[in-house]
Amino acid sequence: MRCVALVLVVAGSCALTLPARADTLEAPAQVMAAADGSFHYTATFHKGPGSGQFAGYSWAGIQNVAGGLYADCFCLPSCPIYSPGYTFTFDVDGQLTNPALPGQVGQSVGFCDAGGASSTTEVRPFDPAGIAPHSPVIDAALWNEPNPFTARTTLHYRLPESGPVSLGVYDLTGRLVVRLVDEVQTAGAHEVMWNARAETARGGVLFARLALPGQVRTRTLILVP
């Protein structure tokens, strides 16, 4: 007698001991992004009962995540047939659009006829302590792109309410390199482009500092020589 998956062989007979396991796609429920907003993790697919012709896998940003990837086999005759118990992994390499805010990614695996699985992963903003929750959306936010940069970068910031705003760039000694903003601004998103070569020809680490009533945000800037 031929035994199928998830059975117990006793004295030449097959007895069912566990319910059949459906297709599953395992990925971290939550990951933390790097300081620049980039993140990486691995998703693992397990084929459950029934063979199926592979159609493709994908991941895509659902919230505050740029880009995605879709690997499609187009259900051609050459596409592989996966049997129960087959396992494979794929990498998710993404980027938070706004490194100060959380994001969400969805990943999935599909088959040409039936089956497949999906899952989601929450992406936390970078936290040096590794334990503190991300800043709530009502807080101010500050980020820049590109970073690192060779000459010009655009600083983006979000204000929770209208009021006086000060945005400056400082070197490692705390010396003010340039004051980019010093005025009253309205709530919402703002941006300012900075040409670093106009103030300094030296490369290295700098700090952007956003100050408004009751809140201060900083951002590390990498100026490439």
Protein backbone atom coordinates (compact mmCIF):
# COMPACT_ATOMS: atom_id res chain seq x y z
CA MET A 1 0.00 0.00 0.00
CA ARG A 2 1.36 3.47 -0.96
CA CYS A 3 1.41 6.01 1.89
CA VAL A 4 0.79 9.69 1.25
CA ALA A 5 2.11 12.71 3.14
CA LEU A 6 1.32 13.18 6.83
CA VAL A 7 0.47 9.55 7.60
CA LEU A 8 1.74 7.03 10.10
CA VAL A 9 2.77 3.60 8.79
CA VAL A 10 1.77 0.83 11.18
CA ALA A 11 2.07 -2.88 10.29
CA GLY A 12 1.94 -2.17 6.55
CA SER A 13 -1.11 0.09 6.69
CA CYS A 14 -1.51 3.86 6.55
CA ALA A 15 -3.32 5.81 9.26
CA LEU A 16 -4.00 9.54 9.14
CA THR A 17 -2.54 11.28 12.18
CA LEU A 18 -2.52 15.02 11.29
CA PRO A 19 -4.71 17.28 9.19
CA ALA A 20 -3.25 18.20 5.83
CA ARG A 21 -1.20 21.37 5.91
CA ALA A 22 -2.30 24.07 3.49
CA ASP A 23 0.13 26.09 1.39
CA THR A 24 1.85 28.63 3.63
CA LEU A 25 4.10 31.64 3.11
CA GLU A 26 6.10 32.47 6.21
CA ALA A 27 7.70 35.89 6.66
CA PRO A 28 8.51 38.03 9.70
CA ALA A 29 5.46 39.71 11.19
CA GLN A 30 7.60 42.78 11.85
CA VAL A 31 11.07 44.01 10.89
CA MET A 32 13.03 47.18 11.60
CA ALA A 33 14.42 49.30 8.77
CA ALA A 34 17.97 50.63 8.71
CA ALA A 35 18.64 54.31 9.38
CA ASP A 36 18.25 55.14 5.68
CA GLY A 37 14.88 53.36 5.50
CA SER A 38 16.13 50.24 3.71
CA PHE A 39 15.15 46.76 4.94
CA HIS A 40 15.69 43.10 4.09
CA TYR A 41 14.09 39.81 5.08
CA THR A 42 13.41 36.34 3.67
CA ALA A 43 10.02 34.74 2.94
CA THR A 44 9.66 30.93 2.93
CA PHE A 45 6.94 29.08 1.00
CA HIS A 46 5.80 25.55 1.92
CA LYS A 47 3.69 23.56 -0.55
CA GLY A 48 0.73 21.85 1.07
CA PRO A 49 -1.49 19.06 -0.29
CA GLY A 50 -1.74 18.57 -4.03
CA SER A 51 0.80 19.26 -6.76
CA GLY A 52 0.57 22.47 -8.71
CA GLN A 53 2.24 24.31 -11.57
CA PHE A 54 4.15 27.32 -10.32
CA ALA A 55 2.90 30.70 -11.61
CA GLY A 56 5.12 33.18 -9.77
CA TYR A 57 5.91 35.03 -6.58
CA SER A 58 5.83 38.70 -5.69
CA TRP A 59 6.24 41.32 -3.02
CA ALA A 60 4.90 44.86 -3.10
CA GLY A 61 4.69 47.89 -0.88
CA ILE A 62 1.24 48.36 0.63
CA GLN A 63 1.96 51.41 2.75
CA ASN A 64 4.98 53.78 2.76
CA VAL A 65 7.18 51.29 0.88
CA ALA A 66 8.63 52.02 -2.55
CA GLY A 67 8.73 49.44 -5.31
CA GLY A 68 8.24 45.71 -5.42
CA LEU A 69 9.11 42.62 -7.42
CA TYR A 70 7.06 40.16 -9.48
CA ALA A 71 8.68 36.97 -10.79
CA ASP A 72 6.21 35.46 -13.29
CA CYS A 73 6.54 32.06 -14.99
CA PHE A 74 3.51 32.87 -17.22
CA CYS A 75 2.19 29.30 -16.71
CA LEU A 76 4.24 28.06 -19.65
CA PRO A 77 4.68 24.29 -20.12
CA SER A 78 8.23 24.67 -18.85
CA CYS A 79 7.08 26.07 -15.49
CA PRO A 80 7.92 23.65 -12.66
CA ILE A 81 5.42 21.40 -10.90
CA TYR A 82 5.74 21.59 -7.12
CA SER A 83 4.72 18.55 -5.06
CA PRO A 84 3.51 18.51 -1.45
CA GLY A 85 6.32 19.29 0.95
CA TYR A 86 8.32 21.39 -1.53
CA THR A 87 9.89 24.51 0.03
CA PHE A 88 11.62 27.55 -1.43
CA THR A 89 12.63 31.01 -0.22
CA PHE A 90 12.90 34.46 -1.77
CA ASP A 91 14.35 37.76 -0.57
CA VAL A 92 12.50 41.00 0.05
CA ASP A 93 14.70 44.09 -0.29
CA GLY A 94 12.74 47.32 0.09
CA GLN A 95 12.87 50.96 1.08
CA LEU A 96 10.57 53.06 3.25
CA THR A 97 9.42 56.07 1.23
CA ASN A 98 9.50 58.14 4.41
CA PRO A 99 12.10 56.62 6.77
CA ALA A 100 10.43 58.26 9.77
CA LEU A 101 7.11 56.46 9.31
CA PRO A 102 6.12 52.77 9.46
CA GLY A 103 5.33 50.75 6.35
CA GLN A 104 3.73 47.51 5.26
CA VAL A 105 4.69 44.91 2.64
CA GLY A 106 2.62 42.12 1.12
CA GLN A 107 4.18 38.98 -0.38
CA SER A 108 2.50 36.15 -2.25
CA VAL A 109 3.08 32.92 -4.17
CA GLY A 110 0.65 31.78 -6.88
CA PHE A 111 -0.07 28.65 -8.89
CA CYS A 112 -1.66 28.29 -12.32
CA ASP A 113 -4.71 26.30 -11.23
CA ALA A 114 -5.27 26.65 -7.48
CA GLY A 115 -3.33 27.06 -4.28
CA GLY A 116 -0.70 29.51 -3.18
CA ALA A 117 -0.43 31.73 -0.14
CA SER A 118 0.19 35.30 0.99
CA SER A 119 1.32 37.18 4.09
CA THR A 120 2.12 40.71 5.25
CA THR A 121 5.03 42.23 7.12
CA GLU A 122 5.10 45.46 9.12
CA VAL A 123 8.24 47.59 8.74
CA ARG A 124 9.19 49.74 11.71
CA PRO A 125 11.30 52.89 11.30
CA PHE A 126 14.87 52.65 12.56
CA ASP A 127 15.19 52.87 16.34
CA PRO A 128 18.72 52.85 17.81
CA ALA A 129 17.46 51.35 21.06
CA GLY A 130 15.66 48.62 19.18
CA ILE A 131 12.73 48.67 21.60
CA ALA A 132 11.00 52.04 21.44
CA PRO A 133 7.89 52.32 19.25
CA HIS A 134 7.97 54.56 16.20
CA SER A 135 6.96 58.19 16.55
CA PRO A 136 3.22 58.67 16.17
CA VAL A 137 2.03 60.25 12.96
CA ILE A 138 1.19 63.50 14.77
CA ASP A 139 4.90 64.08 15.45
CA ALA A 140 7.22 66.02 13.22
CA ALA A 141 9.32 64.05 10.73
CA LEU A 142 12.60 64.83 8.95
CA TRP A 143 14.39 62.94 6.19
CA ASN A 144 16.44 63.65 3.08
CA GLU A 145 17.18 62.16 -0.33
CA PRO A 146 19.56 61.25 -1.71
CA ASN A 147 21.69 60.23 1.23
CA PRO A 148 24.66 59.85 0.89
CA PHE A 149 25.05 62.68 -1.64
CA THR A 150 27.90 64.38 -3.46
CA ALA A 151 26.61 67.95 -3.72
CA ARG A 152 22.86 68.44 -3.51
CA THR A 153 20.22 66.83 -1.34
CA THR A 154 16.58 67.64 -0.65
CA LEU A 155 15.44 67.77 2.96
CA HIS A 156 11.80 66.82 3.54
CA TYR A 157 9.92 67.49 6.73
CA ARG A 158 6.37 67.30 8.02
CA LEU A 159 4.88 69.69 10.58
CA PRO A 160 2.02 68.54 12.82
CA GLU A 161 0.78 72.12 13.19
CA SER A 162 1.56 75.67 12.06
CA GLY A 163 4.24 77.58 13.93
CA PRO A 164 7.83 78.80 13.97
CA VAL A 165 10.30 76.44 12.28
CA SER A 166 14.09 76.35 12.35
CA LEU A 167 16.04 73.97 10.11
CA GLY A 168 19.83 74.04 10.11
CA VAL A 169 22.80 71.87 9.18
CA TYR A 170 25.61 71.35 11.70
CA ASP A 171 29.02 69.68 11.61
CA LEU A 172 30.37 67.16 14.13
CA THR A 173 31.58 69.93 16.47
CA GLY A 174 28.11 71.45 16.66
CA ARG A 175 29.00 74.43 14.47
CA LEU A 176 26.16 75.75 12.35
CA VAL A 177 27.04 75.24 8.68
CA VAL A 178 23.91 76.79 7.18
CA ARG A 179 20.46 77.90 8.29
CA LEU A 180 17.99 76.66 5.69
CA VAL A 181 14.68 77.67 7.29
CA ASP A 182 13.86 80.21 10.00
CA GLU A 183 10.25 81.31 9.72
CA VAL A 184 6.64 80.52 10.56
CA GLN A 185 5.22 77.76 8.35
CA THR A 186 1.90 75.98 7.96
CA ALA A 187 1.20 72.39 9.00
CA GLY A 188 1.92 69.66 6.48
CA ALA A 189 4.73 68.58 4.20
CA HIS A 190 7.62 70.87 3.23
CA GLU A 191 10.95 70.46 1.46
CA VAL A 192 14.09 72.47 0.80
CA MET A 193 17.02 71.71 -1.51
CA TRP A 194 20.53 72.26 -0.17
CA ASN A 195 23.67 72.64 -2.27
CA ALA A 196 26.32 71.57 0.21
CA ARG A 197 29.21 72.70 -1.96
CA ALA A 198 28.06 76.30 -1.57
CA GLU A 199 28.83 76.16 2.18
CA THR A 200 31.57 73.53 2.49
CA ALA A 201 33.87 71.60 0.19
CA ARG A 202 34.61 68.97 2.83
CA GLY A 203 32.90 65.63 2.90
CA GLY A 204 31.88 63.67 5.95
CA VAL A 205 29.10 63.43 8.48
CA LEU A 206 26.76 66.35 9.07
CA PHE A 207 23.51 66.73 10.98
CA ALA A 208 20.27 68.37 9.98
CA ARG A 209 18.30 69.72 12.96
CA LEU A 210 14.60 70.57 12.74
CA ALA A 211 13.31 72.56 15.71
CA LEU A 212 9.73 73.63 16.37
CA PRO A 213 7.78 74.28 19.58
CA GLY A 214 8.04 71.23 21.80
CA GLN A 215 9.86 69.01 19.28
CA VAL A 216 13.33 68.57 17.80
CA ARG A 217 14.24 66.12 15.04
CA THR A 218 17.70 65.33 13.70
CA ARG A 219 18.91 63.56 10.57
CA THR A 220 22.41 62.30 9.78
CA LEU A 221 23.66 63.55 6.41
CA ILE A 222 26.53 61.87 4.56
CA LEU A 223 28.37 64.21 2.22
CA VAL A 224 30.66 62.27 -0.11
CA PRO A 225 33.99 64.08 -0.79
